[in-house]
Amino acid sequence: MAPDRETIVEILVAVAAVALFAAGIVAVGMSSGKNIDGLMLVGAIAAFVLVMAGVGTAFAYR
């Protein structure tokens, strides 16, 4: 049984959000020589949670 269009879109959005999260973590890691107090890492995690919550809400109410 082939997945429907909505399932494919949800999978693609989740993969894109995880890729953006990984890019944020890599950016934090690459700037480790600079003065970082963990705010960038917390920001990356918070942004990931907000994006996934927004996408979940959008799919629930459409």
C-alpha atoms as a PDB file:
ATOM      1  CA  MET A   1       0.000   0.000   0.000  1.00  0.00           C
ATOM      2  CA  ALA A   2       1.522   3.317  -1.085  1.00  0.00           C
ATOM      3  CA  PRO A   3       1.579   6.205   1.389  1.00  0.00           C
ATOM      4  CA  ASP A   4      -0.764   9.083   0.667  1.00  0.00           C
ATOM      5  CA  ARG A   5       0.367  12.616  -0.202  1.00  0.00           C
ATOM      6  CA  GLU A   6      -0.110  13.995   3.328  1.00  0.00           C
ATOM      7  CA  THR A   7       2.110  11.308   4.840  1.00  0.00           C
ATOM      8  CA  ILE A   8       4.868  12.050   2.341  1.00  0.00           C
ATOM      9  CA  VAL A   9       4.651  15.798   3.077  1.00  0.00           C
ATOM     10  CA  GLU A  10       4.840  15.157   6.835  1.00  0.00           C
ATOM     11  CA  ILE A  11       7.898  12.959   6.380  1.00  0.00           C
ATOM     12  CA  LEU A  12       9.627  15.542   4.178  1.00  0.00           C
ATOM     13  CA  VAL A  13       8.910  18.359   6.641  1.00  0.00           C
ATOM     14  CA  ALA A  14      10.224  16.291   9.546  1.00  0.00           C
ATOM     15  CA  VAL A  15      13.399  15.401   7.631  1.00  0.00           C
ATOM     16  CA  ALA A  16      13.920  19.064   6.689  1.00  0.00           C
ATOM     17  CA  ALA A  17      13.453  20.170  10.309  1.00  0.00           C
ATOM     18  CA  VAL A  18      15.972  17.601  11.522  1.00  0.00           C
ATOM     19  CA  ALA A  19      18.429  18.714   8.810  1.00  0.00           C
ATOM     20  CA  LEU A  20      18.050  22.349   9.898  1.00  0.00           C
ATOM     21  CA  PHE A  21      18.543  21.308  13.524  1.00  0.00           C
ATOM     22  CA  ALA A  22      21.701  19.401  12.599  1.00  0.00           C
ATOM     23  CA  ALA A  23      22.959  22.436  10.661  1.00  0.00           C
ATOM     24  CA  GLY A  24      22.386  24.604  13.722  1.00  0.00           C
ATOM     25  CA  ILE A  25      24.300  22.193  15.929  1.00  0.00           C
ATOM     26  CA  VAL A  26      27.160  22.084  13.403  1.00  0.00           C
ATOM     27  CA  ALA A  27      27.210  25.887  13.323  1.00  0.00           C
ATOM     28  CA  VAL A  28      27.469  25.959  17.113  1.00  0.00           C
ATOM     29  CA  GLY A  29      30.260  23.392  17.002  1.00  0.00           C
ATOM     30  CA  MET A  30      32.197  25.290  14.337  1.00  0.00           C
ATOM     31  CA  SER A  31      32.084  28.487  16.359  1.00  0.00           C
ATOM     32  CA  SER A  32      33.344  26.765  19.514  1.00  0.00           C
ATOM     33  CA  GLY A  33      36.577  28.769  19.431  1.00  0.00           C
ATOM     34  CA  LYS A  34      34.592  31.928  20.046  1.00  0.00           C
ATOM     35  CA  ASN A  35      32.963  33.043  23.263  1.00  0.00           C
ATOM     36  CA  ILE A  36      29.713  31.041  23.397  1.00  0.00           C
ATOM     37  CA  ASP A  37      27.733  30.632  26.586  1.00  0.00           C
ATOM     38  CA  GLY A  38      25.388  27.926  25.323  1.00  0.00           C
ATOM     39  CA  LEU A  39      22.765  30.394  24.142  1.00  0.00           C
ATOM     40  CA  MET A  40      23.199  29.340  20.502  1.00  0.00           C
ATOM     41  CA  LEU A  41      22.737  25.679  21.405  1.00  0.00           C
ATOM     42  CA  VAL A  42      19.600  26.423  23.406  1.00  0.00           C
ATOM     43  CA  GLY A  43      18.367  28.575  20.522  1.00  0.00           C
ATOM     44  CA  ALA A  44      18.864  25.747  18.037  1.00  0.00           C
ATOM     45  CA  ILE A  45      16.963  23.320  20.249  1.00  0.00           C
ATOM     46  CA  ALA A  46      14.163  25.823  20.913  1.00  0.00           C
ATOM     47  CA  ALA A  47      13.841  26.645  17.214  1.00  0.00           C
ATOM     48  CA  PHE A  48      13.593  22.935  16.379  1.00  0.00           C
ATOM     49  CA  VAL A  49      10.846  22.428  18.949  1.00  0.00           C
ATOM     50  CA  LEU A  50       8.925  25.492  17.725  1.00  0.00           C
ATOM     51  CA  VAL A  51       9.175  24.455  14.070  1.00  0.00           C
ATOM     52  CA  MET A  52       7.964  20.939  14.808  1.00  0.00           C
ATOM     53  CA  ALA A  53       5.132  22.231  17.017  1.00  0.00           C
ATOM     54  CA  GLY A  54       4.064  24.679  14.327  1.00  0.00           C
ATOM     55  CA  VAL A  55       4.096  22.028  11.640  1.00  0.00           C
ATOM     56  CA  GLY A  56       2.161  19.616  13.849  1.00  0.00           C
ATOM     57  CA  THR A  57      -0.444  22.263  14.618  1.00  0.00           C
ATOM     58  CA  ALA A  58      -0.726  23.216  10.951  1.00  0.00           C
ATOM     59  CA  PHE A  59      -1.290  19.605   9.920  1.00  0.00           C
ATOM     60  CA  ALA A  60      -3.796  19.044  12.733  1.00  0.00           C
ATOM     61  CA  TYR A  61      -6.003  21.997  11.838  1.00  0.00           C
ATOM     62  CA  ARG A  62      -5.930  21.952   8.052  1.00  0.00           C
END
